[in-house]
Each structure stands twice: as structure tokens, then as C-alpha cells.
């Protein structure tokens, strides 16, 4: 009888402990949205702290809303990027994107070429090395999601590539601003470096947000222009890399992330309808805090199981490729080759 009571108490304690974890998680998420808004001095540090807290919480205690946050991060990220468009001039956006197009083309070509070469030397499976290379060269998780169905990649390949790219994104979000300040980069220079040297759009926006408003504008616009290269790259993969079907023909397909046209439409509205400027400024401010919340949720999606899945070779592949590309762009910007 006594043992039965103990078992009932233990069973009752589990939901209570889980409920406490859920409450603390929600309080942290709300804090990352509201506190930087209320207390301005925290804004520059909020993106990096949000990712760290999300990762630490998930690994040390477990994400109590893992399924929900996995589904929410992508639409929240897209909504935040579109919202930021309401605070930007479309002419400047297009100019920044056009100025960076040649650098983007060089970076993507070099990244995929080097990625395939390094991946083959490390003996990685074909799909894994292509997904890591594409994710590193274009725009992280969005590029992996677009390329995976074209390559007919397995779920394990997608998980490994996503985990590698995400882990390096989290590191970049923390170290890029520190390196930029140490090298005396202007906000304009840092925005370019972040857009060209960091994988995922969320981390580019987070690092640029921490560096300053001009860095945020340049980093976001150049990065979104870089993300458009998903289309030609996935076309290339479908034509020359993906396996042909049973009929011997290759299926041509591509996908454009919805937040890119959304961002451009938002910028167009505030540029050509001046009366919306004040509302646009508010939406941009709201979106920067939504981005910080999203970064916390993204960090919370990295769990112990994903870390165990990584293995050593995919990590080495991602780190070497990322160091080479980020180093080249840092040097080119620092010495005035890229302006």
C-alpha cells in the first residue's frame, strides 16, 4: 500500500515539474520580447543572449514545447523579416542588393565548389555534402529546405546538415560583432560581412541588429538578395546533380522563400505611400523584438539528440568551409576590396 502511494506521488510530480518548466520557458520567451523593448541598453546584447539561453535551456533541461517551436520558428522568422521591410526604403534596398550581387555570385560559386571538394575529401555522403555546402553558401536552413527535395535527400541527411549549419550560425551570432568591433568595421562594412559570411538569415539579422541600425539595414537587404540565389542553385542541382527519374529525365524545380517578396512589398508600401511611414516605423520596431524572441526559440530547438547526430566529419566540413568563406570576406572588406 505504501509503495502504491509513493508511485502515485511520483507520477503526480512529473506533470508538476513539466508545468514548472513550461512556465519558466514562456516567461523567458516573453522576457526576450519585452525587456529589450522597455530597457534600451539591453538591445545590442539581446540577440546573442537569446540564442545562448535557448541552447542552454534545451540542452540542460529540455525544450517543453519542442514540437511547437520547431513549427513556429520559420513563420515567426519570416514575419519578423517582412516587418523589418516596413522600416526600409525600397530604392536603398534594391541598391544595396544590386551592389552586392557580384560578391554574392562569387561567394556562392566558391562556397559550393569548395564545399563539394572538401566534402568528397572527407568521404561524406553526396547529399550531406551538398546540403551543407548549399546551406553555408546561400542562406542556411532555407536553402537546405529548398535543395533537399530536389536532391531527394533522406531525413537523416537533412537533420545533419541543418544541425551543422545551425550550430555554426549560433557561434557566428556571438563572435561576428566582437570581431567586427575589434577590427574597427563601420556599420556598413559589418552589414556586408554579416550578409556574406553568416549562413542563415536569422543570424545575419541578429548579428547586424546587435551591431547597429545601418548594419541591420545593409545586412538584411544584401542577405535577402543572396537568398534569391536559391532559385538558380536549385535549378542547377535539379539539372546536373539530382538523380534522374525512372524515365531517365530530371525534374526541374525550385522554391522562393515567401518572406523575400513580402519584405520587398513592405518596403514598397512605406516608400511610395508616405502616410504609412509612422506605422511602418512601429512595425519595424515590433519586428526587431519579434526577431529576438525567434532567436531564443531557434536556440531552444538544438537538443542533445541533434548534437549526437552530428558526428565529426560533417562538423569538420562545415567549420572548414565556413572559416574559409568568412575569412575571405572579412579580409576583402577590411582591406577595402569589397566596398
Protein backbone atom coordinates (compact mmCIF):
# COMPACT_ATOMS: atom_id res chain seq x y z
CA UNK A 1 0.00 0.00 0.00
CA UNK A 2 2.81 2.35 0.94
CA UNK A 3 4.63 1.63 -2.35
CA UNK A 4 1.45 2.40 -4.27
CA UNK A 5 1.20 5.83 -2.60
CA UNK A 6 4.82 6.59 -3.42
CA UNK A 7 4.26 5.67 -7.06
CA UNK A 8 1.19 7.92 -7.21
CA UNK A 9 3.18 10.81 -5.73
CA UNK A 10 5.97 10.32 -8.27
CA UNK A 11 3.51 10.17 -11.14
CA UNK A 12 1.85 13.35 -9.89
CA UNK A 13 5.22 15.08 -9.54
CA UNK A 14 6.14 14.59 -13.19
CA UNK A 15 3.37 16.80 -14.63
CA UNK A 16 4.06 19.45 -11.98
CA UNK A 17 7.76 19.54 -12.88
CA UNK A 18 6.89 19.71 -16.55
CA UNK A 19 4.41 22.52 -15.88
CA UNK A 20 7.07 24.49 -14.00
CA UNK A 21 9.46 24.03 -16.93
CA UNK A 22 6.79 25.24 -19.35
CA UNK A 23 6.05 28.33 -17.26
CA UNK A 24 9.72 29.27 -16.95
CA UNK A 25 10.22 28.74 -20.70
CA UNK A 26 7.27 31.01 -21.52
CA UNK A 27 8.48 33.68 -19.06
CA UNK A 28 11.92 33.66 -20.72
CA UNK A 29 10.38 33.88 -24.18
CA UNK A 30 8.21 36.82 -23.13
CA UNK A 31 11.19 38.49 -21.44
CA UNK A 32 13.25 38.38 -24.62
CA UNK A 33 10.40 40.08 -26.46
CA UNK A 34 9.51 42.79 -23.91
CA UNK A 35 12.61 43.57 -21.81
CA UNK A 36 14.87 44.88 -24.65
CA UNK A 37 11.91 46.97 -25.82
CA UNK A 38 11.47 48.54 -22.40
CA UNK A 39 15.17 48.76 -21.44
CA UNK A 40 17.15 50.05 -24.44
CA UNK A 41 20.71 49.30 -23.11
CA UNK A 42 19.99 45.57 -23.45
CA UNK A 43 19.08 45.73 -27.14
CA UNK A 44 22.59 45.31 -28.53
CA UNK A 45 23.21 42.18 -26.46
CA UNK A 46 19.74 40.64 -26.63
CA UNK A 47 20.17 38.59 -29.88
CA UNK A 48 23.27 36.74 -28.66
CA UNK A 49 21.92 36.22 -25.16
CA UNK A 50 18.64 34.91 -26.59
CA UNK A 51 20.36 32.19 -28.62
CA UNK A 52 22.63 31.18 -25.73
CA UNK A 53 19.72 30.96 -23.29
CA UNK A 54 17.67 28.92 -25.75
CA UNK A 55 20.50 26.44 -26.35
CA UNK A 56 21.40 26.14 -22.65
CA UNK A 57 17.78 25.68 -21.62
CA UNK A 58 17.16 22.99 -24.24
CA UNK A 59 20.35 21.02 -23.55
CA UNK A 60 20.31 21.34 -19.75
CA UNK A 61 16.59 20.95 -19.10
CA UNK A 62 14.87 20.13 -22.38
CA UNK A 63 12.54 22.21 -24.54
CA UNK A 64 9.00 21.62 -23.19
CA UNK A 65 7.46 22.88 -26.43
CA UNK A 66 9.86 21.25 -28.90
CA UNK A 67 7.22 20.32 -31.49
CA UNK A 68 5.58 23.73 -31.33
CA UNK A 69 8.81 25.76 -31.53
CA UNK A 70 10.04 23.65 -34.46
CA UNK A 71 6.89 24.65 -36.38
CA UNK A 72 6.81 28.26 -35.19
CA UNK A 73 10.37 29.42 -35.83
CA UNK A 74 10.12 29.52 -39.63
CA UNK A 75 6.88 31.59 -39.86
CA UNK A 76 8.00 33.86 -37.00
CA UNK A 77 11.33 34.46 -38.73
CA UNK A 78 9.54 35.27 -41.99
CA UNK A 79 7.09 37.61 -40.23
CA UNK A 80 9.96 39.44 -38.49
CA UNK A 81 11.83 39.93 -41.77
CA UNK A 82 8.71 41.19 -43.56
CA UNK A 83 8.01 43.54 -40.65
CA UNK A 84 11.52 44.97 -40.88
CA UNK A 85 10.79 45.81 -44.50
CA UNK A 86 8.21 48.34 -43.32
CA UNK A 87 11.03 50.47 -41.96
CA UNK A 88 13.26 50.45 -45.06
CA UNK A 89 13.33 52.43 -48.29
CA UNK A 90 12.86 50.17 -51.32
CA UNK A 91 15.26 52.18 -53.50
CA UNK A 92 18.03 51.76 -50.92
CA UNK A 93 17.14 48.09 -50.51
CA UNK A 94 17.43 47.43 -54.25
CA UNK A 95 20.63 49.48 -54.50
CA UNK A 96 22.27 47.54 -51.67
CA UNK A 97 21.15 44.26 -53.21
CA UNK A 98 22.43 45.24 -56.66
CA UNK A 99 25.78 46.40 -55.26
CA UNK A 100 26.29 43.04 -53.57
CA UNK A 101 25.19 40.82 -56.45
CA UNK A 102 28.65 40.20 -57.89
CA UNK A 103 30.08 39.42 -54.45
CA UNK A 104 27.17 37.11 -53.77
CA UNK A 105 27.71 35.24 -57.03
CA UNK A 106 31.43 34.82 -56.30
CA UNK A 107 30.77 33.70 -52.74
CA UNK A 108 28.12 31.14 -53.68
CA UNK A 109 30.18 29.70 -56.54
CA UNK A 110 33.28 29.49 -54.33
CA UNK A 111 31.31 28.09 -51.39
CA UNK A 112 29.61 25.29 -53.30
CA UNK A 113 32.77 24.42 -55.22
CA UNK A 114 34.92 24.28 -52.10
CA UNK A 115 32.18 22.55 -50.15
CA UNK A 116 31.88 19.72 -52.65
CA UNK A 117 35.69 19.37 -52.85
CA UNK A 118 36.17 19.30 -49.05
CA UNK A 119 33.17 17.03 -48.55
CA UNK A 120 34.49 14.47 -51.02
CA UNK A 121 37.93 14.55 -49.40
CA UNK A 122 36.26 13.83 -46.04
CA UNK A 123 34.27 10.99 -47.56
CA UNK A 124 30.85 12.47 -46.78
CA UNK A 125 27.71 11.10 -48.46
CA UNK A 126 26.75 13.03 -51.58
CA UNK A 127 23.52 14.50 -50.24
CA UNK A 128 25.06 15.55 -46.92
CA UNK A 129 27.97 17.39 -48.50
CA UNK A 130 25.72 19.18 -51.00
CA UNK A 131 23.22 20.25 -48.33
CA UNK A 132 25.95 21.61 -46.04
CA UNK A 133 27.61 23.39 -48.97
CA UNK A 134 24.36 24.95 -50.17
CA UNK A 135 23.29 25.89 -46.64
CA UNK A 136 26.66 27.55 -45.96
CA UNK A 137 26.84 29.32 -49.31
CA UNK A 138 23.31 30.71 -49.60
CA UNK A 139 21.02 31.06 -46.60
CA UNK A 140 21.25 28.21 -44.13
CA UNK A 141 18.07 26.33 -43.29
CA UNK A 142 16.01 27.89 -46.09
CA UNK A 143 18.49 26.74 -48.73
CA UNK A 144 18.68 23.25 -47.20
CA UNK A 145 14.88 23.04 -47.16
CA UNK A 146 14.74 24.09 -50.84
CA UNK A 147 17.54 21.80 -52.01
CA UNK A 148 16.55 18.67 -50.07
CA UNK A 149 13.50 17.66 -52.15
CA UNK A 150 15.40 18.41 -55.37
CA UNK A 151 18.21 16.07 -54.31
CA UNK A 152 15.74 13.57 -52.82
CA UNK A 153 17.79 13.71 -49.63
CA UNK A 154 16.96 11.46 -46.69
CA UNK A 155 15.66 12.85 -43.41
CA UNK A 156 18.97 11.97 -41.72
CA UNK A 157 20.93 13.99 -44.32
CA UNK A 158 18.65 16.98 -43.80
CA UNK A 159 18.92 16.72 -39.99
CA UNK A 160 22.72 16.51 -40.03
CA UNK A 161 23.16 19.41 -42.47
CA UNK A 162 20.65 21.56 -40.58
CA UNK A 163 22.30 20.84 -37.23
CA UNK A 164 25.77 21.71 -38.56
CA UNK A 165 24.61 24.95 -40.16
CA UNK A 166 22.50 25.96 -37.17
CA UNK A 167 25.31 25.33 -34.67
CA UNK A 168 27.71 27.49 -36.68
CA UNK A 169 25.01 30.16 -37.02
CA UNK A 170 24.73 30.34 -33.23
CA UNK A 171 28.51 30.74 -32.96
CA UNK A 172 28.55 33.43 -35.68
CA UNK A 173 25.84 35.40 -33.94
CA UNK A 174 28.09 35.69 -30.90
CA UNK A 175 31.56 36.16 -32.41
CA UNK A 176 30.91 38.27 -35.52
CA UNK A 177 30.01 41.50 -33.67
CA UNK A 178 33.04 41.10 -31.39
CA UNK A 179 35.38 40.59 -34.37
CA UNK A 180 33.78 43.50 -36.22
CA UNK A 181 34.38 45.85 -33.28
CA UNK A 182 37.93 44.57 -32.81
CA UNK A 183 38.72 45.30 -36.48
CA UNK A 184 37.05 48.71 -36.32
CA UNK A 185 34.47 47.89 -39.00
CA UNK A 186 31.87 50.52 -39.73
CA UNK A 187 28.23 49.51 -39.54
CA UNK A 188 28.07 49.46 -43.34
CA UNK A 189 31.11 47.18 -43.56
CA UNK A 190 29.82 44.87 -40.86
CA UNK A 191 26.42 44.60 -42.51
CA UNK A 192 28.13 43.41 -45.70
CA UNK A 193 30.34 40.94 -43.83
CA UNK A 194 27.44 39.50 -41.88
CA UNK A 195 25.37 39.11 -45.06
CA UNK A 196 28.20 37.40 -46.94
CA UNK A 197 29.82 35.43 -44.11
CA UNK A 198 26.94 34.09 -41.98
CA UNK A 199 24.75 31.23 -43.19
CA UNK A 200 21.20 31.80 -42.00
CA UNK A 201 19.05 34.91 -42.40
CA UNK A 202 18.07 34.89 -38.72
CA UNK A 203 21.69 35.01 -37.57
CA UNK A 204 22.58 37.72 -40.10
CA UNK A 205 19.72 39.84 -38.80
CA UNK A 206 20.58 39.05 -35.18
CA UNK A 207 24.27 39.91 -35.53
CA UNK A 208 23.52 43.05 -37.55
CA UNK A 209 20.86 44.10 -35.07
CA UNK A 210 23.45 43.88 -32.29
CA UNK A 211 25.93 45.99 -34.31
CA UNK A 212 23.68 48.92 -35.21
CA UNK A 213 20.76 50.18 -37.34
CA UNK A 214 22.78 50.77 -40.51
CA UNK A 215 24.37 47.32 -40.20
CA UNK A 216 20.86 45.85 -39.82
CA UNK A 217 19.61 47.54 -42.99
CA UNK A 218 22.64 46.61 -45.11
CA UNK A 219 22.91 43.09 -43.69
CA UNK A 220 19.23 42.31 -44.19
CA UNK A 221 18.99 43.63 -47.75
CA UNK A 222 22.21 42.04 -49.03
CA UNK A 223 21.32 38.78 -47.30
CA UNK A 224 17.88 38.65 -48.89
CA UNK A 225 19.45 39.31 -52.28
CA UNK A 226 21.78 36.40 -51.54
CA UNK A 227 18.80 34.24 -50.59
CA UNK A 228 17.30 34.75 -54.06
CA UNK A 229 20.12 32.59 -55.39
CA UNK A 230 18.17 29.62 -54.04
CA UNK A 231 16.34 29.66 -57.38
CA UNK A 232 19.29 29.29 -59.80
CA UNK A 233 21.17 26.96 -57.44
CA UNK A 234 18.22 24.58 -57.01
CA UNK A 235 17.70 24.66 -60.77
CA UNK A 236 21.36 23.73 -61.21
CA UNK A 237 21.04 20.89 -58.69
CA UNK A 238 17.90 19.54 -60.34
CA UNK A 239 19.53 19.59 -63.79
CA UNK A 240 23.06 18.36 -63.05
CA UNK A 241 23.27 16.80 -59.57
CA UNK A 242 19.96 15.15 -58.69
CA UNK A 243 19.34 11.60 -59.83
CA UNK A 244 17.21 11.21 -62.93
CA UNK A 245 13.80 9.57 -62.62
CA UNK A 246 12.87 6.13 -63.87
CA UNK A 247 12.19 7.58 -67.31
CA UNK A 248 15.73 8.98 -67.43
CA UNK A 249 14.52 12.59 -67.18
CA UNK A 250 15.34 15.13 -64.48
CA UNK A 251 12.54 17.06 -62.80
CA UNK A 252 13.27 20.80 -62.72
CA UNK A 253 12.03 22.52 -59.57
CA UNK A 254 12.76 25.49 -57.31
CA UNK A 255 11.20 27.41 -54.43
CA UNK A 256 11.44 31.07 -53.36
CA UNK A 257 11.12 31.80 -49.61
CA UNK A 258 7.86 33.73 -49.13
CA UNK A 259 9.43 36.34 -46.87
CA UNK A 260 11.58 37.79 -49.70
CA UNK A 261 8.68 39.14 -51.81
CA UNK A 262 6.93 40.04 -48.54
CA UNK A 263 9.92 42.15 -47.47
CA UNK A 264 10.03 43.92 -50.85
CA UNK A 265 6.28 44.64 -50.79
CA UNK A 266 6.54 46.05 -47.25
CA UNK A 267 9.43 48.30 -48.32
CA UNK A 268 7.48 49.42 -51.39
CA UNK A 269 4.46 50.39 -49.28
CA UNK A 270 6.35 52.72 -46.95
CA UNK A 271 8.47 54.12 -49.81
CA UNK A 272 5.61 55.04 -52.14
CA UNK A 273 2.85 55.71 -49.60
CA UNK A 274 4.47 58.25 -47.22
CA UNK A 275 1.42 58.36 -44.93
CA UNK A 276 2.30 54.83 -43.77
CA UNK A 277 5.78 55.86 -42.55
CA UNK A 278 4.89 56.16 -38.85
CA UNK A 279 3.02 52.87 -38.82
CA UNK A 280 5.89 51.29 -40.74
CA UNK A 281 8.42 52.51 -38.18
CA UNK A 282 6.37 50.92 -35.40
CA UNK A 283 6.11 47.62 -37.29
CA UNK A 284 9.86 47.61 -37.84
CA UNK A 285 10.47 48.20 -34.12
CA UNK A 286 7.99 45.46 -33.25
CA UNK A 287 9.70 43.10 -35.69
CA UNK A 288 13.17 43.59 -34.22
CA UNK A 289 11.87 42.34 -30.86
CA UNK A 290 9.98 39.52 -32.54
CA UNK A 291 13.33 38.53 -34.07
CA UNK A 292 14.96 38.35 -30.62
CA UNK A 293 12.12 36.10 -29.40
CA UNK A 294 12.54 33.94 -32.53
CA UNK A 295 16.28 33.60 -31.89
CA UNK A 296 15.51 32.27 -28.40
CA UNK A 297 13.13 29.69 -29.90
CA UNK A 298 15.67 28.75 -32.58
CA UNK A 299 18.28 28.18 -29.87
CA UNK A 300 15.83 26.03 -27.95
CA UNK A 301 15.47 23.73 -30.97
CA UNK A 302 19.03 22.44 -30.57
CA UNK A 303 18.81 19.42 -28.28
CA UNK A 304 21.13 16.65 -27.14
CA UNK A 305 19.83 14.22 -29.75
CA UNK A 306 20.70 16.62 -32.57
CA UNK A 307 24.18 17.13 -31.16
CA UNK A 308 24.71 13.36 -31.05
CA UNK A 309 23.55 13.04 -34.66
CA UNK A 310 26.20 15.40 -35.94
CA UNK A 311 29.23 13.16 -35.94
CA UNK A 312 32.69 14.60 -36.53
CA UNK A 313 33.12 14.69 -40.30
CA UNK A 314 30.08 16.86 -41.13
CA UNK A 315 31.14 19.31 -38.41
CA UNK A 316 34.70 19.45 -39.76
CA UNK A 317 33.29 20.01 -43.24
CA UNK A 318 31.04 22.87 -42.10
CA UNK A 319 33.70 24.52 -39.94
CA UNK A 320 36.44 24.46 -42.59
CA UNK A 321 34.13 25.78 -45.29
CA UNK A 322 32.71 28.48 -43.06
CA UNK A 323 36.15 29.63 -41.81
CA UNK A 324 37.45 29.92 -45.37
CA UNK A 325 34.46 31.90 -46.68
CA UNK A 326 34.06 34.14 -43.63
CA UNK A 327 37.82 34.78 -43.55
CA UNK A 328 37.97 35.70 -47.24
CA UNK A 329 35.09 38.16 -46.95
CA UNK A 330 36.44 39.64 -43.71
CA UNK A 331 39.82 40.29 -45.32
CA UNK A 332 38.26 41.64 -48.52
CA UNK A 333 36.08 44.10 -46.59
CA UNK A 334 38.79 45.05 -44.09
CA UNK A 335 41.29 45.89 -46.84
CA UNK A 336 38.76 47.72 -48.99
CA UNK A 337 38.49 45.19 -51.81
CA UNK A 338 34.75 44.90 -51.15
CA UNK A 339 33.13 48.31 -50.71
